[in-house]
């Protein structure tokens, strides 16, 4: 293979995310327009919750001020302790369980939800120390949490989610419906 062919191969090679994960989306979370979430589902059932590229946090040059995994006085996602092969002890989450709250420097606050049912395996503590990861690498180092659906539910969890094509259709219709600035 000559240098030109090698460069073309390098350019077209899919990313690790595209090779090993299927992207699913939840649009307009909890009825809030554009608060879109992305779920990266691995073939081993593990799901990684991230922000969709259309989420307002990733738009308009926003900067993250704080990320808080403390959901209520009695519930902190940071206290999640998982052990053993069957991942015992992980908090069980429903579709609309809040994972964290993110506050931007303009004081807008966004709640990030699990989007799927399953056991919380881990939250990304790296984004607490380096919130810029959330903006710069939302699908990799800036992920929110990792969730393991129940085995018997692993096929059905995506029924309520959108495929990439369906999500792109929702986003394109959304941009048509928004009025042009005057």
C-alpha atoms as a PDB file:
ATOM      1  CA  UNK A   1       0.000   0.000   0.000  1.00  0.00           C
ATOM      2  CA  UNK A   2       1.478   3.354  -0.971  1.00  0.00           C
ATOM      3  CA  UNK A   3       1.326   6.516   1.164  1.00  0.00           C
ATOM      4  CA  UNK A   4      -1.727   7.912  -0.633  1.00  0.00           C
ATOM      5  CA  UNK A   5      -3.798   4.748  -0.079  1.00  0.00           C
ATOM      6  CA  UNK A   6      -2.741   4.608   3.565  1.00  0.00           C
ATOM      7  CA  UNK A   7      -3.811   8.238   4.143  1.00  0.00           C
ATOM      8  CA  UNK A   8      -7.201   7.569   2.523  1.00  0.00           C
ATOM      9  CA  UNK A   9      -7.682   4.512   4.755  1.00  0.00           C
ATOM     10  CA  UNK A  10      -6.781   6.516   7.854  1.00  0.00           C
ATOM     11  CA  UNK A  11      -9.242   9.246   6.957  1.00  0.00           C
ATOM     12  CA  UNK A  12     -12.152   6.871   6.323  1.00  0.00           C
ATOM     13  CA  UNK A  13     -11.538   4.472   9.220  1.00  0.00           C
ATOM     14  CA  UNK A  14     -14.495   4.564  11.626  1.00  0.00           C
ATOM     15  CA  UNK A  15     -13.942   5.715  15.192  1.00  0.00           C
ATOM     16  CA  UNK A  16     -14.002   3.293  18.119  1.00  0.00           C
ATOM     17  CA  UNK A  17     -17.488   4.586  18.957  1.00  0.00           C
ATOM     18  CA  UNK A  18     -18.731   3.950  15.417  1.00  0.00           C
ATOM     19  CA  UNK A  19     -17.126   0.495  15.303  1.00  0.00           C
ATOM     20  CA  UNK A  20     -18.295  -0.910  18.623  1.00  0.00           C
ATOM     21  CA  UNK A  21     -21.354   1.059  19.696  1.00  0.00           C
ATOM     22  CA  UNK A  22     -24.807   1.704  18.299  1.00  0.00           C
ATOM     23  CA  UNK A  23     -26.019   5.267  18.780  1.00  0.00           C
ATOM     24  CA  UNK A  24     -29.537   5.762  20.107  1.00  0.00           C
ATOM     25  CA  UNK A  25     -31.172   9.071  20.926  1.00  0.00           C
ATOM     26  CA  UNK A  26     -33.818  10.502  23.217  1.00  0.00           C
ATOM     27  CA  UNK A  27     -35.080  13.801  21.782  1.00  0.00           C
ATOM     28  CA  UNK A  28     -36.731  16.625  23.714  1.00  0.00           C
ATOM     29  CA  UNK A  29     -36.191  15.022  27.106  1.00  0.00           C
ATOM     30  CA  UNK A  30     -39.086  15.559  29.523  1.00  0.00           C
ATOM     31  CA  UNK A  31     -40.798  17.793  26.941  1.00  0.00           C
ATOM     32  CA  UNK A  32     -37.965  20.331  26.926  1.00  0.00           C
ATOM     33  CA  UNK A  33     -37.144  21.094  23.291  1.00  0.00           C
ATOM     34  CA  UNK A  34     -33.625  20.288  22.133  1.00  0.00           C
ATOM     35  CA  UNK A  35     -32.525  18.679  25.407  1.00  0.00           C
ATOM     36  CA  UNK A  36     -31.372  15.617  23.523  1.00  0.00           C
ATOM     37  CA  UNK A  37     -29.469  12.689  25.000  1.00  0.00           C
ATOM     38  CA  UNK A  38     -27.407  10.033  23.233  1.00  0.00           C
ATOM     39  CA  UNK A  39     -27.085   6.434  24.411  1.00  0.00           C
ATOM     40  CA  UNK A  40     -24.127   4.442  23.114  1.00  0.00           C
ATOM     41  CA  UNK A  41     -25.052   0.757  23.297  1.00  0.00           C
ATOM     42  CA  UNK A  42     -22.271  -1.831  23.148  1.00  0.00           C
ATOM     43  CA  UNK A  43     -22.889  -5.389  21.944  1.00  0.00           C
ATOM     44  CA  UNK A  44     -22.268  -6.573  25.532  1.00  0.00           C
ATOM     45  CA  UNK A  45     -25.434  -4.629  26.666  1.00  0.00           C
ATOM     46  CA  UNK A  46     -23.515  -1.851  28.432  1.00  0.00           C
ATOM     47  CA  UNK A  47     -24.899   1.609  27.641  1.00  0.00           C
ATOM     48  CA  UNK A  48     -23.028   4.894  27.936  1.00  0.00           C
ATOM     49  CA  UNK A  49     -25.144   8.020  28.491  1.00  0.00           C
ATOM     50  CA  UNK A  50     -23.816  11.120  26.740  1.00  0.00           C
ATOM     51  CA  UNK A  51     -25.112  14.435  25.488  1.00  0.00           C
ATOM     52  CA  UNK A  52     -26.364  14.457  21.905  1.00  0.00           C
ATOM     53  CA  UNK A  53     -24.473  16.855  19.669  1.00  0.00           C
ATOM     54  CA  UNK A  54     -27.630  19.024  19.533  1.00  0.00           C
ATOM     55  CA  UNK A  55     -27.938  19.480  23.332  1.00  0.00           C
ATOM     56  CA  UNK A  56     -27.966  23.185  24.340  1.00  0.00           C
ATOM     57  CA  UNK A  57     -24.908  22.683  26.577  1.00  0.00           C
ATOM     58  CA  UNK A  58     -22.874  21.938  23.445  1.00  0.00           C
ATOM     59  CA  UNK A  59     -24.257  24.937  21.517  1.00  0.00           C
ATOM     60  CA  UNK A  60     -23.471  28.652  21.395  1.00  0.00           C
ATOM     61  CA  UNK A  61     -20.049  28.399  23.051  1.00  0.00           C
ATOM     62  CA  UNK A  62     -21.463  27.651  26.495  1.00  0.00           C
ATOM     63  CA  UNK A  63     -19.140  26.909  29.397  1.00  0.00           C
ATOM     64  CA  UNK A  64     -19.952  24.491  32.206  1.00  0.00           C
ATOM     65  CA  UNK A  65     -19.789  25.980  35.713  1.00  0.00           C
ATOM     66  CA  UNK A  66     -20.758  22.956  37.833  1.00  0.00           C
ATOM     67  CA  UNK A  67     -21.763  19.323  37.499  1.00  0.00           C
ATOM     68  CA  UNK A  68     -23.663  17.872  40.432  1.00  0.00           C
ATOM     69  CA  UNK A  69     -24.410  14.162  40.877  1.00  0.00           C
ATOM     70  CA  UNK A  70     -26.302  14.918  44.144  1.00  0.00           C
ATOM     71  CA  UNK A  71     -29.908  14.290  43.009  1.00  0.00           C
ATOM     72  CA  UNK A  72     -31.608  14.891  46.350  1.00  0.00           C
ATOM     73  CA  UNK A  73     -30.662  15.082  50.032  1.00  0.00           C
ATOM     74  CA  UNK A  74     -30.755  11.289  50.255  1.00  0.00           C
ATOM     75  CA  UNK A  75     -29.489  10.336  46.776  1.00  0.00           C
ATOM     76  CA  UNK A  76     -26.073  10.963  45.305  1.00  0.00           C
ATOM     77  CA  UNK A  77     -24.983   9.091  42.196  1.00  0.00           C
ATOM     78  CA  UNK A  78     -21.405   9.399  43.507  1.00  0.00           C
ATOM     79  CA  UNK A  79     -22.334   7.015  46.349  1.00  0.00           C
ATOM     80  CA  UNK A  80     -23.061   4.242  43.845  1.00  0.00           C
ATOM     81  CA  UNK A  81     -21.002   1.182  44.791  1.00  0.00           C
ATOM     82  CA  UNK A  82     -20.953  -1.789  42.427  1.00  0.00           C
ATOM     83  CA  UNK A  83     -19.222  -5.077  43.162  1.00  0.00           C
ATOM     84  CA  UNK A  84     -18.935  -8.581  41.804  1.00  0.00           C
ATOM     85  CA  UNK A  85     -19.680 -10.245  38.528  1.00  0.00           C
ATOM     86  CA  UNK A  86     -23.410  -9.517  38.737  1.00  0.00           C
ATOM     87  CA  UNK A  87     -22.760  -5.825  39.549  1.00  0.00           C
ATOM     88  CA  UNK A  88     -24.548  -5.940  42.888  1.00  0.00           C
ATOM     89  CA  UNK A  89     -25.172  -2.720  44.763  1.00  0.00           C
ATOM     90  CA  UNK A  90     -25.560  -0.460  41.750  1.00  0.00           C
ATOM     91  CA  UNK A  91     -28.466   1.965  41.950  1.00  0.00           C
ATOM     92  CA  UNK A  92     -31.417   0.869  39.817  1.00  0.00           C
ATOM     93  CA  UNK A  93     -32.554   3.557  37.388  1.00  0.00           C
ATOM     94  CA  UNK A  94     -35.809   4.072  35.511  1.00  0.00           C
ATOM     95  CA  UNK A  95     -36.069   5.796  32.109  1.00  0.00           C
ATOM     96  CA  UNK A  96     -36.459   9.245  33.643  1.00  0.00           C
ATOM     97  CA  UNK A  97     -34.116   8.931  36.620  1.00  0.00           C
ATOM     98  CA  UNK A  98     -31.936  12.047  36.903  1.00  0.00           C
ATOM     99  CA  UNK A  99     -28.217  11.313  36.715  1.00  0.00           C
ATOM    100  CA  UNK A 100     -26.820  14.784  37.303  1.00  0.00           C
ATOM    101  CA  UNK A 101     -27.488  18.497  37.008  1.00  0.00           C
ATOM    102  CA  UNK A 102     -25.225  20.663  34.909  1.00  0.00           C
ATOM    103  CA  UNK A 103     -25.104  24.421  35.416  1.00  0.00           C
ATOM    104  CA  UNK A 104     -23.545  26.627  32.751  1.00  0.00           C
ATOM    105  CA  UNK A 105     -21.799  29.936  33.420  1.00  0.00           C
ATOM    106  CA  UNK A 106     -24.912  31.768  32.158  1.00  0.00           C
ATOM    107  CA  UNK A 107     -26.760  30.064  35.094  1.00  0.00           C
ATOM    108  CA  UNK A 108     -28.934  27.842  32.889  1.00  0.00           C
ATOM    109  CA  UNK A 109     -29.350  24.444  34.516  1.00  0.00           C
ATOM    110  CA  UNK A 110     -29.930  21.159  32.727  1.00  0.00           C
ATOM    111  CA  UNK A 111     -30.888  17.829  34.240  1.00  0.00           C
ATOM    112  CA  UNK A 112     -29.388  14.826  32.489  1.00  0.00           C
ATOM    113  CA  UNK A 113     -31.537  11.682  32.637  1.00  0.00           C
ATOM    114  CA  UNK A 114     -30.702   7.994  32.321  1.00  0.00           C
ATOM    115  CA  UNK A 115     -33.088   7.485  29.339  1.00  0.00           C
ATOM    116  CA  UNK A 116     -33.061   3.720  29.922  1.00  0.00           C
ATOM    117  CA  UNK A 117     -33.838   1.281  32.724  1.00  0.00           C
ATOM    118  CA  UNK A 118     -30.921  -0.506  34.284  1.00  0.00           C
ATOM    119  CA  UNK A 119     -28.269  -0.655  36.972  1.00  0.00           C
ATOM    120  CA  UNK A 120     -25.897   2.291  37.309  1.00  0.00           C
ATOM    121  CA  UNK A 121     -22.361   0.942  36.931  1.00  0.00           C
ATOM    122  CA  UNK A 122     -20.470   4.215  37.184  1.00  0.00           C
ATOM    123  CA  UNK A 123     -20.630   7.953  36.821  1.00  0.00           C
ATOM    124  CA  UNK A 124     -17.846   9.909  35.178  1.00  0.00           C
ATOM    125  CA  UNK A 125     -16.024  11.641  38.006  1.00  0.00           C
ATOM    126  CA  UNK A 126     -13.452  13.017  35.542  1.00  0.00           C
ATOM    127  CA  UNK A 127     -15.939  15.639  34.353  1.00  0.00           C
ATOM    128  CA  UNK A 128     -16.191  16.962  37.915  1.00  0.00           C
ATOM    129  CA  UNK A 129     -12.482  17.826  37.838  1.00  0.00           C
ATOM    130  CA  UNK A 130     -12.385  18.803  34.143  1.00  0.00           C
ATOM    131  CA  UNK A 131     -15.853  19.986  32.999  1.00  0.00           C
ATOM    132  CA  UNK A 132     -14.400  20.953  29.608  1.00  0.00           C
ATOM    133  CA  UNK A 133     -14.326  17.226  28.709  1.00  0.00           C
ATOM    134  CA  UNK A 134     -18.117  17.349  28.563  1.00  0.00           C
ATOM    135  CA  UNK A 135     -17.916  19.995  25.834  1.00  0.00           C
ATOM    136  CA  UNK A 136     -14.819  18.819  23.985  1.00  0.00           C
ATOM    137  CA  UNK A 137     -15.348  15.037  23.982  1.00  0.00           C
ATOM    138  CA  UNK A 138     -18.984  14.322  24.940  1.00  0.00           C
ATOM    139  CA  UNK A 139     -19.081  10.819  23.415  1.00  0.00           C
ATOM    140  CA  UNK A 140     -15.786   9.602  24.865  1.00  0.00           C
ATOM    141  CA  UNK A 141     -14.018  11.097  27.890  1.00  0.00           C
ATOM    142  CA  UNK A 142     -16.914  13.480  28.605  1.00  0.00           C
ATOM    143  CA  UNK A 143     -19.606  10.830  29.038  1.00  0.00           C
ATOM    144  CA  UNK A 144     -22.110  11.150  31.916  1.00  0.00           C
ATOM    145  CA  UNK A 145     -22.663   7.579  33.154  1.00  0.00           C
ATOM    146  CA  UNK A 146     -22.522   3.873  32.317  1.00  0.00           C
ATOM    147  CA  UNK A 147     -25.674   1.774  32.755  1.00  0.00           C
ATOM    148  CA  UNK A 148     -26.228  -1.974  32.450  1.00  0.00           C
ATOM    149  CA  UNK A 149     -29.806  -2.903  31.453  1.00  0.00           C
ATOM    150  CA  UNK A 150     -31.294  -6.133  32.763  1.00  0.00           C
ATOM    151  CA  UNK A 151     -30.499  -9.017  30.441  1.00  0.00           C
ATOM    152  CA  UNK A 152     -34.158  -9.699  29.652  1.00  0.00           C
ATOM    153  CA  UNK A 153     -34.749  -5.994  28.886  1.00  0.00           C
ATOM    154  CA  UNK A 154     -31.592  -5.377  26.852  1.00  0.00           C
ATOM    155  CA  UNK A 155     -33.367  -5.863  23.496  1.00  0.00           C
ATOM    156  CA  UNK A 156     -36.430  -3.798  24.401  1.00  0.00           C
ATOM    157  CA  UNK A 157     -34.673  -0.757  25.905  1.00  0.00           C
ATOM    158  CA  UNK A 158     -34.145   0.751  22.480  1.00  0.00           C
ATOM    159  CA  UNK A 159     -37.860   0.641  21.594  1.00  0.00           C
ATOM    160  CA  UNK A 160     -38.374   4.058  23.200  1.00  0.00           C
ATOM    161  CA  UNK A 161     -35.220   5.502  21.640  1.00  0.00           C
ATOM    162  CA  UNK A 162     -34.588   6.912  18.182  1.00  0.00           C
ATOM    163  CA  UNK A 163     -32.119   5.563  15.642  1.00  0.00           C
ATOM    164  CA  UNK A 164     -29.629   8.038  14.164  1.00  0.00           C
ATOM    165  CA  UNK A 165     -31.802   8.437  11.041  1.00  0.00           C
ATOM    166  CA  UNK A 166     -34.967   9.034  13.091  1.00  0.00           C
ATOM    167  CA  UNK A 167     -33.126  11.521  15.289  1.00  0.00           C
ATOM    168  CA  UNK A 168     -31.746  13.422  12.293  1.00  0.00           C
ATOM    169  CA  UNK A 169     -35.308  13.588  10.934  1.00  0.00           C
ATOM    170  CA  UNK A 170     -36.559  15.071  14.239  1.00  0.00           C
ATOM    171  CA  UNK A 171     -33.725  17.622  14.264  1.00  0.00           C
ATOM    172  CA  UNK A 172     -34.325  18.653  10.640  1.00  0.00           C
ATOM    173  CA  UNK A 173     -38.065  19.134  11.290  1.00  0.00           C
ATOM    174  CA  UNK A 174     -37.210  21.099  14.424  1.00  0.00           C
ATOM    175  CA  UNK A 175     -35.041  23.541  12.465  1.00  0.00           C
ATOM    176  CA  UNK A 176     -37.837  24.033   9.890  1.00  0.00           C
ATOM    177  CA  UNK A 177     -40.356  24.820  12.633  1.00  0.00           C
ATOM    178  CA  UNK A 178     -38.162  27.375  14.397  1.00  0.00           C
ATOM    179  CA  UNK A 179     -38.818  30.915  13.179  1.00  0.00           C
ATOM    180  CA  UNK A 180     -36.004  32.792  11.515  1.00  0.00           C
ATOM    181  CA  UNK A 181     -34.453  35.625  13.550  1.00  0.00           C
ATOM    182  CA  UNK A 182     -35.798  39.037  12.595  1.00  0.00           C
END
